[in-house]
Amino acid sequence: GDWLTEAGLELTVLRPHAGDELPETLDDHLALVVLGG
């Protein structure tokens, strides 16, 4: 996260494990990052 933001990319973090809903599309986003678990 630090490296991406230092490179100028703003981030929106969703936590579906905590109840956040996933969007239907990626129309409002420049990129997608999916982490581990």
PDB file of all heavy atoms in Angstrom:
ATOM      1  N   GLY A   1       0.813  -1.208   0.000  1.00  0.00           N
ATOM      2  CA  GLY A   1       0.000   0.000   0.000  1.00  0.00           C
ATOM      3  C   GLY A   1       0.846   1.256   0.000  1.00  0.00           C
ATOM      4  O   GLY A   1       0.543   2.237  -0.700  1.00  0.00           O
ATOM      5  N   ASP A   2       1.925   1.239   0.785  1.00  0.00           N
ATOM      6  CA  ASP A   2       2.827   2.392   0.823  1.00  0.00           C
ATOM      7  C   ASP A   2       3.460   2.620  -0.549  1.00  0.00           C
ATOM      8  O   ASP A   2       3.556   3.762  -1.027  1.00  0.00           O
ATOM      9  CB  ASP A   2       3.923   2.175   1.863  1.00  0.00           C
ATOM     10  CG  ASP A   2       3.390   2.140   3.287  1.00  0.00           C
ATOM     11  OD1 ASP A   2       2.294   2.691   3.529  1.00  0.00           O
ATOM     12  OD2 ASP A   2       4.071   1.556   4.155  1.00  0.00           O
ATOM     13  N   TRP A   3       3.913   1.535  -1.186  1.00  0.00           N
ATOM     14  CA  TRP A   3       4.566   1.676  -2.481  1.00  0.00           C
ATOM     15  C   TRP A   3       3.614   2.212  -3.551  1.00  0.00           C
ATOM     16  O   TRP A   3       3.998   3.049  -4.367  1.00  0.00           O
ATOM     17  CB  TRP A   3       5.128   0.322  -2.922  1.00  0.00           C
ATOM     18  CG  TRP A   3       6.136  -0.251  -1.985  1.00  0.00           C
ATOM     19  CD1 TRP A   3       6.886   0.428  -1.060  1.00  0.00           C
ATOM     20  CD2 TRP A   3       6.506  -1.625  -1.858  1.00  0.00           C
ATOM     21  NE1 TRP A   3       7.699  -0.446  -0.373  1.00  0.00           N
ATOM     22  CE2 TRP A   3       7.493  -1.709  -0.832  1.00  0.00           C
ATOM     23  CE3 TRP A   3       6.116  -2.798  -2.503  1.00  0.00           C
ATOM     24  CZ2 TRP A   3       8.074  -2.922  -0.461  1.00  0.00           C
ATOM     25  CZ3 TRP A   3       6.689  -4.004  -2.141  1.00  0.00           C
ATOM     26  CH2 TRP A   3       7.664  -4.068  -1.127  1.00  0.00           C
ATOM     27  N   LEU A   4       2.380   1.733  -3.533  1.00  0.00           N
ATOM     28  CA  LEU A   4       1.413   2.184  -4.538  1.00  0.00           C
ATOM     29  C   LEU A   4       1.046   3.645  -4.345  1.00  0.00           C
ATOM     30  O   LEU A   4       0.968   4.411  -5.310  1.00  0.00           O
ATOM     31  CB  LEU A   4       0.158   1.299  -4.485  1.00  0.00           C
ATOM     32  CG  LEU A   4       0.339  -0.159  -4.908  1.00  0.00           C
ATOM     33  CD1 LEU A   4      -0.944  -0.946  -4.663  1.00  0.00           C
ATOM     34  CD2 LEU A   4       0.755  -0.260  -6.380  1.00  0.00           C
ATOM     35  N   THR A   5       0.819   4.048  -3.104  1.00  0.00           N
ATOM     36  CA  THR A   5       0.446   5.440  -2.858  1.00  0.00           C
ATOM     37  C   THR A   5       1.630   6.378  -3.105  1.00  0.00           C
ATOM     38  O   THR A   5       1.449   7.496  -3.601  1.00  0.00           O
ATOM     39  CB  THR A   5      -0.096   5.629  -1.435  1.00  0.00           C
ATOM     40  OG1 THR A   5       0.852   5.135  -0.480  1.00  0.00           O
ATOM     41  CG2 THR A   5      -1.405   4.887  -1.257  1.00  0.00           C
ATOM     42  N   GLU A   6       2.832   5.925  -2.778  1.00  0.00           N
ATOM     43  CA  GLU A   6       4.021   6.744  -3.062  1.00  0.00           C
ATOM     44  C   GLU A   6       4.178   6.963  -4.561  1.00  0.00           C
ATOM     45  O   GLU A   6       4.726   7.987  -4.994  1.00  0.00           O
ATOM     46  CB  GLU A   6       5.274   6.069  -2.499  1.00  0.00           C
ATOM     47  CG  GLU A   6       5.382   6.136  -0.980  1.00  0.00           C
ATOM     48  CD  GLU A   6       6.462   5.220  -0.431  1.00  0.00           C
ATOM     49  OE1 GLU A   6       7.154   4.561  -1.254  1.00  0.00           O
ATOM     50  OE2 GLU A   6       6.608   5.137   0.797  1.00  0.00           O
ATOM     51  N   ALA A   7       3.686   6.011  -5.360  1.00  0.00           N
ATOM     52  CA  ALA A   7       3.757   6.127  -6.819  1.00  0.00           C
ATOM     53  C   ALA A   7       2.589   6.928  -7.390  1.00  0.00           C
ATOM     54  O   ALA A   7       2.472   7.056  -8.612  1.00  0.00           O
ATOM     55  CB  ALA A   7       3.801   4.737  -7.452  1.00  0.00           C
ATOM     56  N   GLY A   8       1.727   7.459  -6.525  1.00  0.00           N
ATOM     57  CA  GLY A   8       0.659   8.343  -6.974  1.00  0.00           C
ATOM     58  C   GLY A   8      -0.691   7.707  -7.159  1.00  0.00           C
ATOM     59  O   GLY A   8      -1.617   8.360  -7.655  1.00  0.00           O
ATOM     60  N   LEU A   9      -0.863   6.445  -6.762  1.00  0.00           N
ATOM     61  CA  LEU A   9      -2.125   5.747  -6.959  1.00  0.00           C
ATOM     62  C   LEU A   9      -2.962   5.825  -5.683  1.00  0.00           C
ATOM     63  O   LEU A   9      -2.559   5.335  -4.627  1.00  0.00           O
ATOM     64  CB  LEU A   9      -1.850   4.279  -7.317  1.00  0.00           C
ATOM     65  CG  LEU A   9      -3.032   3.450  -7.827  1.00  0.00           C
ATOM     66  CD1 LEU A   9      -3.642   4.059  -9.074  1.00  0.00           C
ATOM     67  CD2 LEU A   9      -2.582   2.008  -8.096  1.00  0.00           C
ATOM     68  N   GLU A  10      -4.119   6.451  -5.775  1.00  0.00           N
ATOM     69  CA  GLU A  10      -5.056   6.499  -4.651  1.00  0.00           C
ATOM     70  C   GLU A  10      -5.751   5.149  -4.506  1.00  0.00           C
ATOM     71  O   GLU A  10      -6.056   4.482  -5.498  1.00  0.00           O
ATOM     72  CB  GLU A  10      -6.083   7.603  -4.857  1.00  0.00           C
ATOM     73  CG  GLU A  10      -5.498   9.000  -4.958  1.00  0.00           C
ATOM     74  CD  GLU A  10      -4.959   9.487  -3.631  1.00  0.00           C
ATOM     75  OE1 GLU A  10      -5.469   9.046  -2.591  1.00  0.00           O
ATOM     76  OE2 GLU A  10      -4.026  10.314  -3.649  1.00  0.00           O
ATOM     77  N   LEU A  11      -6.032   4.742  -3.264  1.00  0.00           N
ATOM     78  CA  LEU A  11      -6.563   3.409  -2.997  1.00  0.00           C
ATOM     79  C   LEU A  11      -7.908   3.473  -2.272  1.00  0.00           C
ATOM     80  O   LEU A  11      -8.085   4.291  -1.372  1.00  0.00           O
ATOM     81  CB  LEU A  11      -5.579   2.605  -2.145  1.00  0.00           C
ATOM     82  CG  LEU A  11      -4.133   2.510  -2.663  1.00  0.00           C
ATOM     83  CD1 LEU A  11      -3.260   1.785  -1.650  1.00  0.00           C
ATOM     84  CD2 LEU A  11      -4.090   1.816  -4.018  1.00  0.00           C
ATOM     85  N   THR A  12      -8.807   2.593  -2.669  1.00  0.00           N
ATOM     86  CA  THR A  12     -10.053   2.352  -1.940  1.00  0.00           C
ATOM     87  C   THR A  12     -10.037   0.906  -1.480  1.00  0.00           C
ATOM     88  O   THR A  12      -9.976  -0.009  -2.314  1.00  0.00           O
ATOM     89  CB  THR A  12     -11.287   2.594  -2.830  1.00  0.00           C
ATOM     90  OG1 THR A  12     -11.330   3.972  -3.199  1.00  0.00           O
ATOM     91  CG2 THR A  12     -12.565   2.237  -2.085  1.00  0.00           C
ATOM     92  N   VAL A  13     -10.052   0.673  -0.173  1.00  0.00           N
ATOM     93  CA  VAL A  13      -9.952  -0.682   0.376  1.00  0.00           C
ATOM     94  C   VAL A  13     -11.330  -1.159   0.812  1.00  0.00           C
ATOM     95  O   VAL A  13     -12.016  -0.491   1.589  1.00  0.00           O
ATOM     96  CB  VAL A  13      -8.975  -0.729   1.567  1.00  0.00           C
ATOM     97  CG1 VAL A  13      -8.882  -2.152   2.114  1.00  0.00           C
ATOM     98  CG2 VAL A  13      -7.595  -0.218   1.149  1.00  0.00           C
ATOM     99  N   LEU A  14     -11.738  -2.319   0.302  1.00  0.00           N
ATOM    100  CA  LEU A  14     -12.965  -2.977   0.741  1.00  0.00           C
ATOM    101  C   LEU A  14     -12.600  -4.237   1.508  1.00  0.00           C
ATOM    102  O   LEU A  14     -11.699  -4.979   1.101  1.00  0.00           O
ATOM    103  CB  LEU A  14     -13.854  -3.331  -0.451  1.00  0.00           C
ATOM    104  CG  LEU A  14     -14.478  -2.164  -1.223  1.00  0.00           C
ATOM    105  CD1 LEU A  14     -15.378  -2.685  -2.338  1.00  0.00           C
ATOM    106  CD2 LEU A  14     -15.256  -1.244  -0.299  1.00  0.00           C
ATOM    107  N   ARG A  15     -13.331  -4.476   2.601  1.00  0.00           N
ATOM    108  CA  ARG A  15     -13.084  -5.631   3.460  1.00  0.00           C
ATOM    109  C   ARG A  15     -14.345  -6.486   3.527  1.00  0.00           C
ATOM    110  O   ARG A  15     -15.130  -6.362   4.475  1.00  0.00           O
ATOM    111  CB  ARG A  15     -12.657  -5.157   4.851  1.00  0.00           C
ATOM    112  CG  ARG A  15     -11.365  -4.335   4.834  1.00  0.00           C
ATOM    113  CD  ARG A  15     -11.020  -3.753   6.195  1.00  0.00           C
ATOM    114  NE  ARG A  15      -9.722  -3.083   6.167  1.00  0.00           N
ATOM    115  CZ  ARG A  15      -9.529  -1.821   5.800  1.00  0.00           C
ATOM    116  NH1 ARG A  15     -10.590  -1.067   5.439  1.00  0.00           N
ATOM    117  NH2 ARG A  15      -8.319  -1.297   5.788  1.00  0.00           N
ATOM    118  N   PRO A  16     -14.544  -7.350   2.551  1.00  0.00           N
ATOM    119  CA  PRO A  16     -15.752  -8.183   2.565  1.00  0.00           C
ATOM    120  C   PRO A  16     -15.821  -9.104   3.777  1.00  0.00           C
ATOM    121  O   PRO A  16     -16.908  -9.483   4.204  1.00  0.00           O
ATOM    122  CB  PRO A  16     -15.664  -8.976   1.252  1.00  0.00           C
ATOM    123  CG  PRO A  16     -14.238  -8.866   0.822  1.00  0.00           C
ATOM    124  CD  PRO A  16     -13.746  -7.572   1.338  1.00  0.00           C
ATOM    125  N   HIS A  17     -14.664  -9.438   4.376  1.00  0.00           N
ATOM    126  CA  HIS A  17     -14.676 -10.250   5.593  1.00  0.00           C
ATOM    127  C   HIS A  17     -15.326  -9.499   6.751  1.00  0.00           C
ATOM    128  O   HIS A  17     -15.762 -10.116   7.730  1.00  0.00           O
ATOM    129  CB  HIS A  17     -13.251 -10.663   5.969  1.00  0.00           C
ATOM    130  CG  HIS A  17     -12.333  -9.520   6.278  1.00  0.00           C
ATOM    131  ND1 HIS A  17     -12.302  -8.889   7.503  1.00  0.00           N
ATOM    132  CD2 HIS A  17     -11.401  -8.888   5.517  1.00  0.00           C
ATOM    133  CE1 HIS A  17     -11.397  -7.926   7.488  1.00  0.00           C
ATOM    134  NE2 HIS A  17     -10.831  -7.903   6.289  1.00  0.00           N
ATOM    135  N   ALA A  18     -15.414  -8.158   6.630  1.00  0.00           N
ATOM    136  CA  ALA A  18     -16.057  -7.342   7.663  1.00  0.00           C
ATOM    137  C   ALA A  18     -17.422  -6.832   7.222  1.00  0.00           C
ATOM    138  O   ALA A  18     -18.012  -5.993   7.903  1.00  0.00           O
ATOM    139  CB  ALA A  18     -15.158  -6.162   8.025  1.00  0.00           C
ATOM    140  N   GLY A  19     -17.914  -7.333   6.078  1.00  0.00           N
ATOM    141  CA  GLY A  19     -19.244  -6.968   5.632  1.00  0.00           C
ATOM    142  C   GLY A  19     -19.323  -5.999   4.482  1.00  0.00           C
ATOM    143  O   GLY A  19     -20.435  -5.674   4.022  1.00  0.00           O
ATOM    144  N   ASP A  20     -18.189  -5.502   3.965  1.00  0.00           N
ATOM    145  CA  ASP A  20     -18.231  -4.593   2.817  1.00  0.00           C
ATOM    146  C   ASP A  20     -18.757  -5.321   1.581  1.00  0.00           C
ATOM    147  O   ASP A  20     -18.378  -6.474   1.312  1.00  0.00           O
ATOM    148  CB  ASP A  20     -16.833  -4.047   2.520  1.00  0.00           C
ATOM    149  CG  ASP A  20     -16.351  -3.063   3.573  1.00  0.00           C
ATOM    150  OD1 ASP A  20     -17.191  -2.589   4.375  1.00  0.00           O
ATOM    151  OD2 ASP A  20     -15.142  -2.779   3.601  1.00  0.00           O
ATOM    152  N   GLU A  21     -19.600  -4.652   0.830  1.00  0.00           N
ATOM    153  CA  GLU A  21     -20.153  -5.216  -0.404  1.00  0.00           C
ATOM    154  C   GLU A  21     -19.210  -4.934  -1.576  1.00  0.00           C
ATOM    155  O   GLU A  21     -18.653  -3.837  -1.692  1.00  0.00           O
ATOM    156  CB  GLU A  21     -21.530  -4.614  -0.692  1.00  0.00           C
ATOM    157  CG  GLU A  21     -22.597  -4.980   0.323  1.00  0.00           C
ATOM    158  CD  GLU A  21     -23.035  -6.435   0.225  1.00  0.00           C
ATOM    159  OE1 GLU A  21     -22.899  -7.009  -0.893  1.00  0.00           O
ATOM    160  OE2 GLU A  21     -23.490  -6.995   1.230  1.00  0.00           O
ATOM    161  N   LEU A  22     -19.061  -5.924  -2.453  1.00  0.00           N
ATOM    162  CA  LEU A  22     -18.261  -5.711  -3.651  1.00  0.00           C
ATOM    163  C   LEU A  22     -19.088  -4.974  -4.698  1.00  0.00           C
ATOM    164  O   LEU A  22     -20.295  -5.179  -4.798  1.00  0.00           O
ATOM    165  CB  LEU A  22     -17.794  -7.060  -4.220  1.00  0.00           C
ATOM    166  CG  LEU A  22     -16.896  -7.916  -3.334  1.00  0.00           C
ATOM    167  CD1 LEU A  22     -16.482  -9.173  -4.081  1.00  0.00           C
ATOM    168  CD2 LEU A  22     -15.670  -7.141  -2.890  1.00  0.00           C
ATOM    169  N   PRO A  23     -18.455  -4.136  -5.499  1.00  0.00           N
ATOM    170  CA  PRO A  23     -19.188  -3.434  -6.546  1.00  0.00           C
ATOM    171  C   PRO A  23     -19.548  -4.385  -7.691  1.00  0.00           C
ATOM    172  O   PRO A  23     -18.934  -5.442  -7.854  1.00  0.00           O
ATOM    173  CB  PRO A  23     -18.205  -2.363  -7.006  1.00  0.00           C
ATOM    174  CG  PRO A  23     -16.865  -2.961  -6.731  1.00  0.00           C
ATOM    175  CD  PRO A  23     -17.031  -3.760  -5.463  1.00  0.00           C
ATOM    176  N   GLU A  24     -20.517  -3.990  -8.474  1.00  0.00           N
ATOM    177  CA  GLU A  24     -20.911  -4.788  -9.638  1.00  0.00           C
ATOM    178  C   GLU A  24     -19.904  -4.658 -10.770  1.00  0.00           C
ATOM    179  O   GLU A  24     -19.676  -5.597 -11.530  1.00  0.00           O
ATOM    180  CB  GLU A  24     -22.297  -4.350 -10.133  1.00  0.00           C
ATOM    181  CG  GLU A  24     -23.435  -4.711  -9.197  1.00  0.00           C
ATOM    182  CD  GLU A  24     -23.694  -6.206  -9.166  1.00  0.00           C
ATOM    183  OE1 GLU A  24     -23.464  -6.872 -10.197  1.00  0.00           O
ATOM    184  OE2 GLU A  24     -24.104  -6.705  -8.112  1.00  0.00           O
ATOM    185  N   THR A  25     -19.294  -3.471 -10.900  1.00  0.00           N
ATOM    186  CA  THR A  25     -18.345  -3.211 -11.975  1.00  0.00           C
ATOM    187  C   THR A  25     -17.134  -2.484 -11.419  1.00  0.00           C
ATOM    188  O   THR A  25     -17.093  -2.090 -10.247  1.00  0.00           O
ATOM    189  CB  THR A  25     -18.974  -2.347 -13.084  1.00  0.00           C
ATOM    190  OG1 THR A  25     -19.123  -1.001 -12.599  1.00  0.00           O
ATOM    191  CG2 THR A  25     -20.342  -2.895 -13.502  1.00  0.00           C
ATOM    192  N   LEU A  26     -16.158  -2.280 -12.298  1.00  0.00           N
ATOM    193  CA  LEU A  26     -14.954  -1.528 -11.952  1.00  0.00           C
ATOM    194  C   LEU A  26     -14.923  -0.189 -12.670  1.00  0.00           C
ATOM    195  O   LEU A  26     -13.852   0.413 -12.830  1.00  0.00           O
ATOM    196  CB  LEU A  26     -13.711  -2.354 -12.313  1.00  0.00           C
ATOM    197  CG  LEU A  26     -13.523  -3.634 -11.489  1.00  0.00           C
ATOM    198  CD1 LEU A  26     -12.507  -4.559 -12.154  1.00  0.00           C
ATOM    199  CD2 LEU A  26     -13.087  -3.301 -10.069  1.00  0.00           C
ATOM    200  N   ASP A  27     -16.085   0.295 -13.071  1.00  0.00           N
ATOM    201  CA  ASP A  27     -16.160   1.526 -13.861  1.00  0.00           C
ATOM    202  C   ASP A  27     -15.539   2.719 -13.152  1.00  0.00           C
ATOM    203  O   ASP A  27     -15.033   3.636 -13.799  1.00  0.00           O
ATOM    204  CB  ASP A  27     -17.611   1.845 -14.218  1.00  0.00           C
ATOM    205  CG  ASP A  27     -18.213   0.823 -15.167  1.00  0.00           C
ATOM    206  OD1 ASP A  27     -17.438   0.038 -15.749  1.00  0.00           O
ATOM    207  OD2 ASP A  27     -19.448   0.804 -15.319  1.00  0.00           O
ATOM    208  N   ASP A  28     -15.584   2.738 -11.840  1.00  0.00           N
ATOM    209  CA  ASP A  28     -15.086   3.887 -11.075  1.00  0.00           C
ATOM    210  C   ASP A  28     -13.660   3.695 -10.571  1.00  0.00           C
ATOM    211  O   ASP A  28     -13.203   4.464  -9.719  1.00  0.00           O
ATOM    212  CB  ASP A  28     -16.006   4.158  -9.878  1.00  0.00           C
ATOM    213  CG  ASP A  28     -17.407   4.543 -10.306  1.00  0.00           C
ATOM    214  OD1 ASP A  28     -17.549   5.177 -11.372  1.00  0.00           O
ATOM    215  OD2 ASP A  28     -18.361   4.197  -9.583  1.00  0.00           O
ATOM    216  N   HIS A  29     -12.964   2.684 -11.092  1.00  0.00           N
ATOM    217  CA  HIS A  29     -11.642   2.372 -10.556  1.00  0.00           C
ATOM    218  C   HIS A  29     -10.609   2.224 -11.670  1.00  0.00           C
ATOM    219  O   HIS A  29     -10.909   1.740 -12.757  1.00  0.00           O
ATOM    220  CB  HIS A  29     -11.705   1.086  -9.728  1.00  0.00           C
ATOM    221  CG  HIS A  29     -12.638   1.195  -8.558  1.00  0.00           C
ATOM    222  ND1 HIS A  29     -12.322   1.916  -7.431  1.00  0.00           N
ATOM    223  CD2 HIS A  29     -13.875   0.687  -8.350  1.00  0.00           C
ATOM    224  CE1 HIS A  29     -13.332   1.844  -6.571  1.00  0.00           C
ATOM    225  NE2 HIS A  29     -14.278   1.111  -7.113  1.00  0.00           N
ATOM    226  N   LEU A  30      -9.391   2.624 -11.347  1.00  0.00           N
ATOM    227  CA  LEU A  30      -8.283   2.550 -12.288  1.00  0.00           C
ATOM    228  C   LEU A  30      -7.621   1.179 -12.300  1.00  0.00           C
ATOM    229  O   LEU A  30      -6.948   0.828 -13.277  1.00  0.00           O
ATOM    230  CB  LEU A  30      -7.223   3.601 -11.931  1.00  0.00           C
ATOM    231  CG  LEU A  30      -7.627   5.069 -12.037  1.00  0.00           C
ATOM    232  CD1 LEU A  30      -6.509   5.948 -11.495  1.00  0.00           C
ATOM    233  CD2 LEU A  30      -7.943   5.424 -13.478  1.00  0.00           C
ATOM    234  N   ALA A  31      -7.753   0.435 -11.217  1.00  0.00           N
ATOM    235  CA  ALA A  31      -7.061  -0.849 -11.099  1.00  0.00           C
ATOM    236  C   ALA A  31      -7.755  -1.683 -10.033  1.00  0.00           C
ATOM    237  O   ALA A  31      -8.603  -1.185  -9.273  1.00  0.00           O
ATOM    238  CB  ALA A  31      -5.595  -0.641 -10.734  1.00  0.00           C
ATOM    239  N   LEU A  32      -7.380  -2.961  -9.981  1.00  0.00           N
ATOM    240  CA  LEU A  32      -7.902  -3.899  -8.989  1.00  0.00           C
ATOM    241  C   LEU A  32      -6.740  -4.654  -8.367  1.00  0.00           C
ATOM    242  O   LEU A  32      -5.889  -5.199  -9.083  1.00  0.00           O
ATOM    243  CB  LEU A  32      -8.870  -4.889  -9.647  1.00  0.00           C
ATOM    244  CG  LEU A  32      -9.422  -6.012  -8.768  1.00  0.00           C
ATOM    245  CD1 LEU A  32     -10.281  -5.456  -7.644  1.00  0.00           C
ATOM    246  CD2 LEU A  32     -10.224  -7.013  -9.608  1.00  0.00           C
ATOM    247  N   VAL A  33      -6.687  -4.685  -7.041  1.00  0.00           N
ATOM    248  CA  VAL A  33      -5.688  -5.454  -6.301  1.00  0.00           C
ATOM    249  C   VAL A  33      -6.436  -6.389  -5.358  1.00  0.00           C
ATOM    250  O   VAL A  33      -7.271  -5.942  -4.567  1.00  0.00           O
ATOM    251  CB  VAL A  33      -4.748  -4.538  -5.494  1.00  0.00           C
ATOM    252  CG1 VAL A  33      -3.742  -5.373  -4.696  1.00  0.00           C
ATOM    253  CG2 VAL A  33      -4.019  -3.568  -6.422  1.00  0.00           C
ATOM    254  N   VAL A  34      -6.145  -7.683  -5.433  1.00  0.00           N
ATOM    255  CA  VAL A  34      -6.797  -8.682  -4.586  1.00  0.00           C
ATOM    256  C   VAL A  34      -5.729  -9.334  -3.714  1.00  0.00           C
ATOM    257  O   VAL A  34      -4.771  -9.925  -4.227  1.00  0.00           O
ATOM    258  CB  VAL A  34      -7.542  -9.742  -5.414  1.00  0.00           C
ATOM    259  CG1 VAL A  34      -8.244 -10.740  -4.493  1.00  0.00           C
ATOM    260  CG2 VAL A  34      -8.555  -9.073  -6.346  1.00  0.00           C
ATOM    261  N   LEU A  35      -5.899  -9.215  -2.404  1.00  0.00           N
ATOM    262  CA  LEU A  35      -4.893  -9.686  -1.456  1.00  0.00           C
ATOM    263  C   LEU A  35      -5.107 -11.141  -1.054  1.00  0.00           C
ATOM    264  O   LEU A  35      -6.051 -11.795  -1.498  1.00  0.00           O
ATOM    265  CB  LEU A  35      -4.903  -8.773  -0.228  1.00  0.00           C
ATOM    266  CG  LEU A  35      -4.540  -7.313  -0.500  1.00  0.00           C
ATOM    267  CD1 LEU A  35      -4.728  -6.467   0.753  1.00  0.00           C
ATOM    268  CD2 LEU A  35      -3.111  -7.190  -1.025  1.00  0.00           C
ATOM    269  N   GLY A  36      -4.229 -11.630  -0.191  1.00  0.00           N
ATOM    270  CA  GLY A  36      -4.255 -13.021   0.230  1.00  0.00           C
ATOM    271  C   GLY A  36      -5.186 -13.268   1.402  1.00  0.00           C
ATOM    272  O   GLY A  36      -5.974 -12.410   1.801  1.00  0.00           O
ATOM    273  N   GLY A  37      -5.075 -14.459   1.959  1.00  0.00           N
ATOM    274  CA  GLY A  37      -5.911 -14.841   3.088  1.00  0.00           C
ATOM    275  C   GLY A  37      -5.773 -16.312   3.391  1.00  0.00           C
ATOM    276  O   GLY A  37      -5.145 -17.068   2.641  1.00  0.00           O
TER     277      GLY A  37
END
